[in-house]
Amino acid sequence: LANKRTPVWEESKGKDEKWRTGKIEIFQGAETTNSVTFESERGKGKTG
């Protein structure tokens, strides 16, 4: 969320190849969250 350095959500492997649903609560406080970043980090695998 925004420019934070710690992820609010992380997943590192799927149990299978199915689609799942993720949910994140965004609580607005003194500062407004003005962006959400989806970050993909490559693993060792070459397929999928």
ModelCIF file with pLDDT and N, C-alpha, C, O atoms, coordinates in Angstrom:
data_MODEL
#
_entry.id   MODEL 
#
_entity.id                         1 
_entity.type                       polymer 
_entity.pdbx_number_of_molecules   1 
#
_entity_poly.entity_id                      1 
_entity_poly.type                           'polypeptide(L)' 
_entity_poly.nstd_linkage                   no 
_entity_poly.nstd_monomer                   no 
_entity_poly.pdbx_seq_one_letter_code       LANKRTPVWEESKGKDEKWRTGKIEIFQGAETTNSVTFESERGKGKTG 
_entity_poly.pdbx_seq_one_letter_code_can   LANKRTPVWEESKGKDEKWRTGKIEIFQGAETTNSVTFESERGKGKTG 
_entity_poly.pdbx_strand_id                 A 
#
loop_
_entity_poly_seq.entity_id 
_entity_poly_seq.num 
_entity_poly_seq.mon_id 
_entity_poly_seq.hetero 
1 1  LEU n 
1 2  ALA n 
1 3  ASN n 
1 4  LYS n 
1 5  ARG n 
1 6  THR n 
1 7  PRO n 
1 8  VAL n 
1 9  TRP n 
1 10 GLU n 
1 11 GLU n 
1 12 SER n 
1 13 LYS n 
1 14 GLY n 
1 15 LYS n 
1 16 ASP n 
1 17 GLU n 
1 18 LYS n 
1 19 TRP n 
1 20 ARG n 
1 21 THR n 
1 22 GLY n 
1 23 LYS n 
1 24 ILE n 
1 25 GLU n 
1 26 ILE n 
1 27 PHE n 
1 28 GLN n 
1 29 GLY n 
1 30 ALA n 
1 31 GLU n 
1 32 THR n 
1 33 THR n 
1 34 ASN n 
1 35 SER n 
1 36 VAL n 
1 37 THR n 
1 38 PHE n 
1 39 GLU n 
1 40 SER n 
1 41 GLU n 
1 42 ARG n 
1 43 GLY n 
1 44 LYS n 
1 45 GLY n 
1 46 LYS n 
1 47 THR n 
1 48 GLY n 
#
_struct_asym.id          A 
_struct_asym.entity_id   1 
#
loop_
_ma_qa_metric.id 
_ma_qa_metric.mode 
_ma_qa_metric.name 
_ma_qa_metric.software_group_id 
_ma_qa_metric.type 
1 global pLDDT . pLDDT 
2 local  pLDDT . pLDDT 
#
_ma_qa_metric_global.metric_id      1 
_ma_qa_metric_global.metric_value   87.19 
_ma_qa_metric_global.model_id       1 
_ma_qa_metric_global.ordinal_id     1 
#
loop_
_ma_qa_metric_local.label_asym_id 
_ma_qa_metric_local.label_comp_id 
_ma_qa_metric_local.label_seq_id 
_ma_qa_metric_local.metric_id 
_ma_qa_metric_local.metric_value 
_ma_qa_metric_local.model_id 
_ma_qa_metric_local.ordinal_id 
A LEU 1  2 91.00 1 1  
A ALA 2  2 84.00 1 2  
A ASN 3  2 75.00 1 3  
A LYS 4  2 84.00 1 4  
A ARG 5  2 87.00 1 5  
A THR 6  2 93.00 1 6  
A PRO 7  2 96.00 1 7  
A VAL 8  2 95.00 1 8  
A TRP 9  2 96.00 1 9  
A GLU 10 2 97.00 1 10 
A GLU 11 2 95.00 1 11 
A SER 12 2 90.00 1 12 
A LYS 13 2 74.00 1 13 
A GLY 14 2 64.00 1 14 
A LYS 15 2 69.00 1 15 
A ASP 16 2 81.00 1 16 
A GLU 17 2 83.00 1 17 
A LYS 18 2 90.00 1 18 
A TRP 19 2 93.00 1 19 
A ARG 20 2 94.00 1 20 
A THR 21 2 95.00 1 21 
A GLY 22 2 96.00 1 22 
A LYS 23 2 97.00 1 23 
A ILE 24 2 94.00 1 24 
A GLU 25 2 91.00 1 25 
A ILE 26 2 88.00 1 26 
A PHE 27 2 84.00 1 27 
A GLN 28 2 76.00 1 28 
A GLY 29 2 72.00 1 29 
A ALA 30 2 66.00 1 30 
A GLU 31 2 70.00 1 31 
A THR 32 2 72.00 1 32 
A THR 33 2 80.00 1 33 
A ASN 34 2 84.00 1 34 
A SER 35 2 90.00 1 35 
A VAL 36 2 93.00 1 36 
A THR 37 2 95.00 1 37 
A PHE 38 2 97.00 1 38 
A GLU 39 2 97.00 1 39 
A SER 40 2 97.00 1 40 
A GLU 41 2 95.00 1 41 
A ARG 42 2 94.00 1 42 
A GLY 43 2 92.00 1 43 
A LYS 44 2 91.00 1 44 
A GLY 45 2 87.00 1 45 
A LYS 46 2 85.00 1 46 
A THR 47 2 87.00 1 47 
A GLY 48 2 89.00 1 48 
#
loop_
_atom_site.group_PDB 
_atom_site.id 
_atom_site.type_symbol 
_atom_site.label_atom_id 
_atom_site.label_alt_id 
_atom_site.label_comp_id 
_atom_site.label_asym_id 
_atom_site.label_entity_id 
_atom_site.label_seq_id 
_atom_site.pdbx_PDB_ins_code 
_atom_site.Cartn_x 
_atom_site.Cartn_y 
_atom_site.Cartn_z 
_atom_site.occupancy 
_atom_site.B_iso_or_equiv 
_atom_site.pdbx_formal_charge 
_atom_site.auth_seq_id 
_atom_site.auth_comp_id 
_atom_site.auth_asym_id 
_atom_site.auth_atom_id 
_atom_site.pdbx_PDB_model_num 
ATOM 1   N N  . LEU A 1 1  ? 0.848  -1.190  0.000   1.00 91.00 ? 1  LEU A N  1 
ATOM 2   C CA . LEU A 1 1  ? 0.000  0.000   0.000   1.00 91.00 ? 1  LEU A CA 1 
ATOM 3   C C  . LEU A 1 1  ? 0.883  1.239   0.000   1.00 91.00 ? 1  LEU A C  1 
ATOM 4   O O  . LEU A 1 1  ? 1.888  1.295   0.709   1.00 91.00 ? 1  LEU A O  1 
ATOM 5   N N  . ALA A 1 2  ? 0.503  2.230   -0.797  1.00 84.00 ? 2  ALA A N  1 
ATOM 6   C CA . ALA A 1 2  ? 1.241  3.490   -0.923  1.00 84.00 ? 2  ALA A CA 1 
ATOM 7   C C  . ALA A 1 2  ? 2.721  3.212   -1.108  1.00 84.00 ? 2  ALA A C  1 
ATOM 8   O O  . ALA A 1 2  ? 3.094  2.363   -1.918  1.00 84.00 ? 2  ALA A O  1 
ATOM 9   N N  . ASN A 1 3  ? 3.572  3.915   -0.368  1.00 75.00 ? 3  ASN A N  1 
ATOM 10  C CA . ASN A 1 3  ? 5.014  3.720   -0.550  1.00 75.00 ? 3  ASN A CA 1 
ATOM 11  C C  . ASN A 1 3  ? 5.633  2.952   0.603   1.00 75.00 ? 3  ASN A C  1 
ATOM 12  O O  . ASN A 1 3  ? 6.819  3.113   0.894   1.00 75.00 ? 3  ASN A O  1 
ATOM 13  N N  . LYS A 1 4  ? 4.840  2.118   1.262   1.00 84.00 ? 4  LYS A N  1 
ATOM 14  C CA . LYS A 1 4  ? 5.361  1.337   2.385   1.00 84.00 ? 4  LYS A CA 1 
ATOM 15  C C  . LYS A 1 4  ? 6.336  0.273   1.873   1.00 84.00 ? 4  LYS A C  1 
ATOM 16  O O  . LYS A 1 4  ? 6.223  -0.196  0.741   1.00 84.00 ? 4  LYS A O  1 
ATOM 17  N N  . ARG A 1 5  ? 7.289  -0.097  2.725   1.00 87.00 ? 5  ARG A N  1 
ATOM 18  C CA . ARG A 1 5  ? 8.296  -1.081  2.338   1.00 87.00 ? 5  ARG A CA 1 
ATOM 19  C C  . ARG A 1 5  ? 7.925  -2.509  2.726   1.00 87.00 ? 5  ARG A C  1 
ATOM 20  O O  . ARG A 1 5  ? 8.554  -3.468  2.279   1.00 87.00 ? 5  ARG A O  1 
ATOM 21  N N  . THR A 1 6  ? 6.890  -2.637  3.568   1.00 93.00 ? 6  THR A N  1 
ATOM 22  C CA . THR A 1 6  ? 6.484  -3.969  4.010   1.00 93.00 ? 6  THR A CA 1 
ATOM 23  C C  . THR A 1 6  ? 5.194  -4.359  3.301   1.00 93.00 ? 6  THR A C  1 
ATOM 24  O O  . THR A 1 6  ? 4.251  -3.568  3.278   1.00 93.00 ? 6  THR A O  1 
ATOM 25  N N  . PRO A 1 7  ? 5.124  -5.556  2.722   1.00 96.00 ? 7  PRO A N  1 
ATOM 26  C CA . PRO A 1 7  ? 3.884  -5.944  2.034   1.00 96.00 ? 7  PRO A CA 1 
ATOM 27  C C  . PRO A 1 7  ? 2.743  -6.153  3.032   1.00 96.00 ? 7  PRO A C  1 
ATOM 28  O O  . PRO A 1 7  ? 2.968  -6.588  4.161   1.00 96.00 ? 7  PRO A O  1 
ATOM 29  N N  . VAL A 1 8  ? 1.516  -5.839  2.602   1.00 95.00 ? 8  VAL A N  1 
ATOM 30  C CA . VAL A 1 8  ? 0.341  -6.089  3.435   1.00 95.00 ? 8  VAL A CA 1 
ATOM 31  C C  . VAL A 1 8  ? -0.231 -7.470  3.121   1.00 95.00 ? 8  VAL A C  1 
ATOM 32  O O  . VAL A 1 8  ? -1.107 -7.963  3.832   1.00 95.00 ? 8  VAL A O  1 
ATOM 33  N N  . TRP A 1 9  ? 0.271  -8.092  2.047   1.00 96.00 ? 9  TRP A N  1 
ATOM 34  C CA . TRP A 1 9  ? -0.219 -9.399  1.618   1.00 96.00 ? 9  TRP A CA 1 
ATOM 35  C C  . TRP A 1 9  ? 0.888  -10.072 0.808   1.00 96.00 ? 9  TRP A C  1 
ATOM 36  O O  . TRP A 1 9  ? 1.589  -9.418  0.035   1.00 96.00 ? 9  TRP A O  1 
ATOM 37  N N  . GLU A 1 10 ? 1.039  -11.388 0.991   1.00 97.00 ? 10 GLU A N  1 
ATOM 38  C CA . GLU A 1 10 ? 2.078  -12.100 0.240   1.00 97.00 ? 10 GLU A CA 1 
ATOM 39  C C  . GLU A 1 10 ? 1.680  -13.557 0.080   1.00 97.00 ? 10 GLU A C  1 
ATOM 40  O O  . GLU A 1 10 ? 1.136  -14.165 1.002   1.00 97.00 ? 10 GLU A O  1 
ATOM 41  N N  . GLU A 1 11 ? 1.952  -14.109 -1.080  1.00 95.00 ? 11 GLU A N  1 
ATOM 42  C CA . GLU A 1 11 ? 1.681  -15.528 -1.339  1.00 95.00 ? 11 GLU A CA 1 
ATOM 43  C C  . GLU A 1 11 ? 2.858  -16.073 -2.140  1.00 95.00 ? 11 GLU A C  1 
ATOM 44  O O  . GLU A 1 11 ? 3.297  -15.453 -3.109  1.00 95.00 ? 11 GLU A O  1 
ATOM 45  N N  . SER A 1 12 ? 3.367  -17.239 -1.730  1.00 90.00 ? 12 SER A N  1 
ATOM 46  C CA . SER A 1 12 ? 4.551  -17.725 -2.427  1.00 90.00 ? 12 SER A CA 1 
ATOM 47  C C  . SER A 1 12 ? 4.354  -19.020 -3.194  1.00 90.00 ? 12 SER A C  1 
ATOM 48  O O  . SER A 1 12 ? 5.200  -19.379 -4.012  1.00 90.00 ? 12 SER A O  1 
ATOM 49  N N  . LYS A 1 13 ? 3.254  -19.734 -2.950  1.00 74.00 ? 13 LYS A N  1 
ATOM 50  C CA . LYS A 1 13 ? 3.027  -20.857 -3.852  1.00 74.00 ? 13 LYS A CA 1 
ATOM 51  C C  . LYS A 1 13 ? 1.564  -21.237 -3.862  1.00 74.00 ? 13 LYS A C  1 
ATOM 52  O O  . LYS A 1 13 ? 0.864  -21.135 -2.855  1.00 74.00 ? 13 LYS A O  1 
ATOM 53  N N  . GLY A 1 14 ? 1.123  -21.677 -5.024  1.00 64.00 ? 14 GLY A N  1 
ATOM 54  C CA . GLY A 1 14 ? -0.256 -22.106 -5.137  1.00 64.00 ? 14 GLY A CA 1 
ATOM 55  C C  . GLY A 1 14 ? -0.346 -23.581 -4.792  1.00 64.00 ? 14 GLY A C  1 
ATOM 56  O O  . GLY A 1 14 ? 0.573  -24.350 -5.073  1.00 64.00 ? 14 GLY A O  1 
ATOM 57  N N  . LYS A 1 15 ? -1.468 -23.977 -4.176  1.00 69.00 ? 15 LYS A N  1 
ATOM 58  C CA . LYS A 1 15 ? -1.676 -25.407 -3.899  1.00 69.00 ? 15 LYS A CA 1 
ATOM 59  C C  . LYS A 1 15 ? -1.918 -26.134 -5.215  1.00 69.00 ? 15 LYS A C  1 
ATOM 60  O O  . LYS A 1 15 ? -1.604 -27.316 -5.351  1.00 69.00 ? 15 LYS A O  1 
ATOM 61  N N  . ASP A 1 16 ? -2.472 -25.424 -6.166  1.00 81.00 ? 16 ASP A N  1 
ATOM 62  C CA . ASP A 1 16 ? -2.751 -25.989 -7.482  1.00 81.00 ? 16 ASP A CA 1 
ATOM 63  C C  . ASP A 1 16 ? -2.750 -24.807 -8.448  1.00 81.00 ? 16 ASP A C  1 
ATOM 64  O O  . ASP A 1 16 ? -2.274 -23.728 -8.094  1.00 81.00 ? 16 ASP A O  1 
ATOM 65  N N  . GLU A 1 17 ? -3.263 -24.986 -9.635  1.00 83.00 ? 17 GLU A N  1 
ATOM 66  C CA . GLU A 1 17 ? -3.221 -23.884 -10.602 1.00 83.00 ? 17 GLU A CA 1 
ATOM 67  C C  . GLU A 1 17 ? -4.517 -23.084 -10.622 1.00 83.00 ? 17 GLU A C  1 
ATOM 68  O O  . GLU A 1 17 ? -4.750 -22.297 -11.540 1.00 83.00 ? 17 GLU A O  1 
ATOM 69  N N  . LYS A 1 18 ? -5.365 -23.283 -9.609  1.00 90.00 ? 18 LYS A N  1 
ATOM 70  C CA . LYS A 1 18 ? -6.662 -22.593 -9.582  1.00 90.00 ? 18 LYS A CA 1 
ATOM 71  C C  . LYS A 1 18 ? -6.512 -21.129 -9.179  1.00 90.00 ? 18 LYS A C  1 
ATOM 72  O O  . LYS A 1 18 ? -5.552 -20.729 -8.519  1.00 90.00 ? 18 LYS A O  1 
ATOM 73  N N  . TRP A 1 19 ? -7.500 -20.352 -9.604  1.00 93.00 ? 19 TRP A N  1 
ATOM 74  C CA . TRP A 1 19 ? -7.587 -18.958 -9.183  1.00 93.00 ? 19 TRP A CA 1 
ATOM 75  C C  . TRP A 1 19 ? -8.113 -18.911 -7.749  1.00 93.00 ? 19 TRP A C  1 
ATOM 76  O O  . TRP A 1 19 ? -9.005 -19.679 -7.388  1.00 93.00 ? 19 TRP A O  1 
ATOM 77  N N  . ARG A 1 20 ? -7.570 -18.023 -6.943  1.00 94.00 ? 20 ARG A N  1 
ATOM 78  C CA . ARG A 1 20 ? -8.009 -17.820 -5.564  1.00 94.00 ? 20 ARG A CA 1 
ATOM 79  C C  . ARG A 1 20 ? -8.384 -16.350 -5.396  1.00 94.00 ? 20 ARG A C  1 
ATOM 80  O O  . ARG A 1 20 ? -8.119 -15.524 -6.270  1.00 94.00 ? 20 ARG A O  1 
ATOM 81  N N  . THR A 1 21 ? -9.003 -16.039 -4.262  1.00 95.00 ? 21 THR A N  1 
ATOM 82  C CA . THR A 1 21 ? -9.395 -14.651 -3.992  1.00 95.00 ? 21 THR A CA 1 
ATOM 83  C C  . THR A 1 21 ? -8.556 -14.094 -2.863  1.00 95.00 ? 21 THR A C  1 
ATOM 84  O O  . THR A 1 21 ? -8.419 -14.725 -1.814  1.00 95.00 ? 21 THR A O  1 
ATOM 85  N N  . GLY A 1 22 ? -7.995 -12.919 -3.070  1.00 96.00 ? 22 GLY A N  1 
ATOM 86  C CA . GLY A 1 22 ? -7.266 -12.205 -2.027  1.00 96.00 ? 22 GLY A CA 1 
ATOM 87  C C  . GLY A 1 22 ? -8.085 -11.007 -1.589  1.00 96.00 ? 22 GLY A C  1 
ATOM 88  O O  . GLY A 1 22 ? -8.787 -10.391 -2.391  1.00 96.00 ? 22 GLY A O  1 
ATOM 89  N N  . LYS A 1 23 ? -7.986 -10.679 -0.291  1.00 97.00 ? 23 LYS A N  1 
ATOM 90  C CA . LYS A 1 23 ? -8.690 -9.499  0.238   1.00 97.00 ? 23 LYS A CA 1 
ATOM 91  C C  . LYS A 1 23 ? -7.744 -8.719  1.128   1.00 97.00 ? 23 LYS A C  1 
ATOM 92  O O  . LYS A 1 23 ? -7.006 -9.295  1.928   1.00 97.00 ? 23 LYS A O  1 
ATOM 93  N N  . ILE A 1 24 ? -7.774 -7.415  0.984   1.00 94.00 ? 24 ILE A N  1 
ATOM 94  C CA . ILE A 1 24 ? -6.928 -6.553  1.807   1.00 94.00 ? 24 ILE A CA 1 
ATOM 95  C C  . ILE A 1 24 ? -7.767 -5.390  2.304   1.00 94.00 ? 24 ILE A C  1 
ATOM 96  O O  . ILE A 1 24 ? -8.443 -4.720  1.523   1.00 94.00 ? 24 ILE A O  1 
ATOM 97  N N  . GLU A 1 25 ? -7.719 -5.152  3.612   1.00 91.00 ? 25 GLU A N  1 
ATOM 98  C CA . GLU A 1 25 ? -8.426 -3.990  4.141   1.00 91.00 ? 25 GLU A CA 1 
ATOM 99  C C  . GLU A 1 25 ? -7.493 -2.784  4.130   1.00 91.00 ? 25 GLU A C  1 
ATOM 100 O O  . GLU A 1 25 ? -6.348 -2.856  4.576   1.00 91.00 ? 25 GLU A O  1 
ATOM 101 N N  . ILE A 1 26 ? -8.001 -1.699  3.619   1.00 88.00 ? 26 ILE A N  1 
ATOM 102 C CA . ILE A 1 26 ? -7.232 -0.456  3.544   1.00 88.00 ? 26 ILE A CA 1 
ATOM 103 C C  . ILE A 1 26 ? -7.896 0.522   4.509   1.00 88.00 ? 26 ILE A C  1 
ATOM 104 O O  . ILE A 1 26 ? -9.017 0.977   4.280   1.00 88.00 ? 26 ILE A O  1 
ATOM 105 N N  . PHE A 1 27 ? -7.192 0.833   5.580   1.00 84.00 ? 27 PHE A N  1 
ATOM 106 C CA . PHE A 1 27 ? -7.727 1.786   6.560   1.00 84.00 ? 27 PHE A CA 1 
ATOM 107 C C  . PHE A 1 27 ? -7.072 3.133   6.305   1.00 84.00 ? 27 PHE A C  1 
ATOM 108 O O  . PHE A 1 27 ? -5.851 3.265   6.392   1.00 84.00 ? 27 PHE A O  1 
ATOM 109 N N  . GLN A 1 28 ? -7.885 4.127   5.992   1.00 76.00 ? 28 GLN A N  1 
ATOM 110 C CA . GLN A 1 28 ? -7.342 5.444   5.736   1.00 76.00 ? 28 GLN A CA 1 
ATOM 111 C C  . GLN A 1 28 ? -7.212 6.178   7.062   1.00 76.00 ? 28 GLN A C  1 
ATOM 112 O O  . GLN A 1 28 ? -8.156 6.248   7.849   1.00 76.00 ? 28 GLN A O  1 
ATOM 113 N N  . GLY A 1 29 ? -6.031 6.721   7.292   1.00 72.00 ? 29 GLY A N  1 
ATOM 114 C CA . GLY A 1 29 ? -5.829 7.492   8.510   1.00 72.00 ? 29 GLY A CA 1 
ATOM 115 C C  . GLY A 1 29 ? -5.442 8.902   8.165   1.00 72.00 ? 29 GLY A C  1 
ATOM 116 O O  . GLY A 1 29 ? -6.067 9.548   7.323   1.00 72.00 ? 29 GLY A O  1 
ATOM 117 N N  . ALA A 1 30 ? -4.391 9.383   8.830   1.00 66.00 ? 30 ALA A N  1 
ATOM 118 C CA . ALA A 1 30 ? -3.899 10.733  8.578   1.00 66.00 ? 30 ALA A CA 1 
ATOM 119 C C  . ALA A 1 30 ? -3.450 10.862  7.127   1.00 66.00 ? 30 ALA A C  1 
ATOM 120 O O  . ALA A 1 30 ? -3.669 11.892  6.490   1.00 66.00 ? 30 ALA A O  1 
ATOM 121 N N  . GLU A 1 31 ? -2.812 9.794   6.601   1.00 70.00 ? 31 GLU A N  1 
ATOM 122 C CA . GLU A 1 31 ? -2.387 9.853   5.203   1.00 70.00 ? 31 GLU A CA 1 
ATOM 123 C C  . GLU A 1 31 ? -3.271 8.938   4.371   1.00 70.00 ? 31 GLU A C  1 
ATOM 124 O O  . GLU A 1 31 ? -3.645 7.847   4.803   1.00 70.00 ? 31 GLU A O  1 
ATOM 125 N N  . THR A 1 32 ? -3.592 9.393   3.191   1.00 72.00 ? 32 THR A N  1 
ATOM 126 C CA . THR A 1 32 ? -4.443 8.620   2.309   1.00 72.00 ? 32 THR A CA 1 
ATOM 127 C C  . THR A 1 32 ? -3.595 7.653   1.495   1.00 72.00 ? 32 THR A C  1 
ATOM 128 O O  . THR A 1 32 ? -2.551 8.030   0.964   1.00 72.00 ? 32 THR A O  1 
ATOM 129 N N  . THR A 1 33 ? -4.047 6.406   1.399   1.00 80.00 ? 33 THR A N  1 
ATOM 130 C CA . THR A 1 33 ? -3.370 5.449   0.521   1.00 80.00 ? 33 THR A CA 1 
ATOM 131 C C  . THR A 1 33 ? -3.727 5.819   -0.905  1.00 80.00 ? 33 THR A C  1 
ATOM 132 O O  . THR A 1 33 ? -4.884 5.718   -1.313  1.00 80.00 ? 33 THR A O  1 
ATOM 133 N N  . ASN A 1 34 ? -2.711 6.255   -1.672  1.00 84.00 ? 34 ASN A N  1 
ATOM 134 C CA . ASN A 1 34 ? -3.020 6.708   -3.023  1.00 84.00 ? 34 ASN A CA 1 
ATOM 135 C C  . ASN A 1 34 ? -2.593 5.710   -4.087  1.00 84.00 ? 34 ASN A C  1 
ATOM 136 O O  . ASN A 1 34 ? -2.729 5.981   -5.280  1.00 84.00 ? 34 ASN A O  1 
ATOM 137 N N  . SER A 1 35 ? -2.070 4.542   -3.662  1.00 90.00 ? 35 SER A N  1 
ATOM 138 C CA . SER A 1 35 ? -1.731 3.529   -4.650  1.00 90.00 ? 35 SER A CA 1 
ATOM 139 C C  . SER A 1 35 ? -1.629 2.160   -4.001  1.00 90.00 ? 35 SER A C  1 
ATOM 140 O O  . SER A 1 35 ? -1.371 2.028   -2.805  1.00 90.00 ? 35 SER A O  1 
ATOM 141 N N  . VAL A 1 36 ? -1.841 1.146   -4.829  1.00 93.00 ? 36 VAL A N  1 
ATOM 142 C CA . VAL A 1 36 ? -1.652 -0.248  -4.432  1.00 93.00 ? 36 VAL A CA 1 
ATOM 143 C C  . VAL A 1 36 ? -0.733 -0.855  -5.470  1.00 93.00 ? 36 VAL A C  1 
ATOM 144 O O  . VAL A 1 36 ? -0.968 -0.702  -6.669  1.00 93.00 ? 36 VAL A O  1 
ATOM 145 N N  . THR A 1 37 ? 0.322  -1.548  -5.025  1.00 95.00 ? 37 THR A N  1 
ATOM 146 C CA . THR A 1 37 ? 1.273  -2.131  -5.965  1.00 95.00 ? 37 THR A CA 1 
ATOM 147 C C  . THR A 1 37 ? 1.251  -3.649  -5.872  1.00 95.00 ? 37 THR A C  1 
ATOM 148 O O  . THR A 1 37 ? 1.397  -4.218  -4.790  1.00 95.00 ? 37 THR A O  1 
ATOM 149 N N  . PHE A 1 38 ? 1.068  -4.300  -7.018  1.00 97.00 ? 38 PHE A N  1 
ATOM 150 C CA . PHE A 1 38 ? 1.176  -5.753  -7.115  1.00 97.00 ? 38 PHE A CA 1 
ATOM 151 C C  . PHE A 1 38 ? 2.594  -6.045  -7.595  1.00 97.00 ? 38 PHE A C  1 
ATOM 152 O O  . PHE A 1 38 ? 2.988  -5.629  -8.685  1.00 97.00 ? 38 PHE A O  1 
ATOM 153 N N  . GLU A 1 39 ? 3.357  -6.763  -6.774  1.00 97.00 ? 39 GLU A N  1 
ATOM 154 C CA . GLU A 1 39 ? 4.756  -7.045  -7.116  1.00 97.00 ? 39 GLU A CA 1 
ATOM 155 C C  . GLU A 1 39 ? 4.939  -8.542  -7.308  1.00 97.00 ? 39 GLU A C  1 
ATOM 156 O O  . GLU A 1 39 ? 4.556  -9.350  -6.462  1.00 97.00 ? 39 GLU A O  1 
ATOM 157 N N  . SER A 1 40 ? 5.529  -8.886  -8.435  1.00 97.00 ? 40 SER A N  1 
ATOM 158 C CA . SER A 1 40 ? 5.843  -10.281 -8.727  1.00 97.00 ? 40 SER A CA 1 
ATOM 159 C C  . SER A 1 40 ? 7.352  -10.462 -8.596  1.00 97.00 ? 40 SER A C  1 
ATOM 160 O O  . SER A 1 40 ? 8.130  -9.730  -9.206  1.00 97.00 ? 40 SER A O  1 
ATOM 161 N N  . GLU A 1 41 ? 7.756  -11.446 -7.792  1.00 95.00 ? 41 GLU A N  1 
ATOM 162 C CA . GLU A 1 41 ? 9.183  -11.764 -7.690  1.00 95.00 ? 41 GLU A CA 1 
ATOM 163 C C  . GLU A 1 41 ? 9.414  -13.124 -8.323  1.00 95.00 ? 41 GLU A C  1 
ATOM 164 O O  . GLU A 1 41 ? 8.762  -14.106 -7.966  1.00 95.00 ? 41 GLU A O  1 
ATOM 165 N N  . ARG A 1 42 ? 10.346 -13.177 -9.266  1.00 94.00 ? 42 ARG A N  1 
ATOM 166 C CA . ARG A 1 42 ? 10.627 -14.427 -9.974  1.00 94.00 ? 42 ARG A CA 1 
ATOM 167 C C  . ARG A 1 42 ? 11.235 -15.461 -9.039  1.00 94.00 ? 42 ARG A C  1 
ATOM 168 O O  . ARG A 1 42 ? 12.067 -15.148 -8.187  1.00 94.00 ? 42 ARG A O  1 
ATOM 169 N N  . GLY A 1 43 ? 10.798 -16.701 -9.222  1.00 92.00 ? 43 GLY A N  1 
ATOM 170 C CA . GLY A 1 43 ? 11.389 -17.812 -8.484  1.00 92.00 ? 43 GLY A CA 1 
ATOM 171 C C  . GLY A 1 43 ? 12.372 -18.553 -9.370  1.00 92.00 ? 43 GLY A C  1 
ATOM 172 O O  . GLY A 1 43 ? 12.828 -18.025 -10.384 1.00 92.00 ? 43 GLY A O  1 
ATOM 173 N N  . LYS A 1 44 ? 12.699 -19.783 -8.980  1.00 91.00 ? 44 LYS A N  1 
ATOM 174 C CA . LYS A 1 44 ? 13.648 -20.597 -9.758  1.00 91.00 ? 44 LYS A CA 1 
ATOM 175 C C  . LYS A 1 44 ? 12.998 -21.256 -10.963 1.00 91.00 ? 44 LYS A C  1 
ATOM 176 O O  . LYS A 1 44 ? 13.668 -21.561 -11.950 1.00 91.00 ? 44 LYS A O  1 
ATOM 177 N N  . GLY A 1 45 ? 11.683 -21.476 -10.878 1.00 87.00 ? 45 GLY A N  1 
ATOM 178 C CA . GLY A 1 45 ? 10.999 -22.214 -11.937 1.00 87.00 ? 45 GLY A CA 1 
ATOM 179 C C  . GLY A 1 45 ? 10.981 -21.472 -13.259 1.00 87.00 ? 45 GLY A C  1 
ATOM 180 O O  . GLY A 1 45 ? 11.114 -20.248 -13.295 1.00 87.00 ? 45 GLY A O  1 
ATOM 181 N N  . LYS A 1 46 ? 10.816 -22.214 -14.346 1.00 85.00 ? 46 LYS A N  1 
ATOM 182 C CA . LYS A 1 46 ? 10.778 -21.607 -15.683 1.00 85.00 ? 46 LYS A CA 1 
ATOM 183 C C  . LYS A 1 46 ? 9.432  -21.813 -16.368 1.00 85.00 ? 46 LYS A C  1 
ATOM 184 O O  . LYS A 1 46 ? 9.253  -21.405 -17.515 1.00 85.00 ? 46 LYS A O  1 
ATOM 185 N N  . THR A 1 47 ? 8.468  -22.454 -15.666 1.00 87.00 ? 47 THR A N  1 
ATOM 186 C CA . THR A 1 47 ? 7.160  -22.677 -16.271 1.00 87.00 ? 47 THR A CA 1 
ATOM 187 C C  . THR A 1 47 ? 6.093  -22.043 -15.385 1.00 87.00 ? 47 THR A C  1 
ATOM 188 O O  . THR A 1 47 ? 6.361  -21.613 -14.263 1.00 87.00 ? 47 THR A O  1 
ATOM 189 N N  . GLY A 1 48 ? 4.888  -21.998 -15.918 1.00 89.00 ? 48 GLY A N  1 
ATOM 190 C CA . GLY A 1 48 ? 3.781  -21.432 -15.157 1.00 89.00 ? 48 GLY A CA 1 
ATOM 191 C C  . GLY A 1 48 ? 3.732  -19.926 -15.262 1.00 89.00 ? 48 GLY A C  1 
ATOM 192 O O  . GLY A 1 48 ? 2.853  -19.294 -14.675 1.00 89.00 ? 48 GLY A O  1 
#
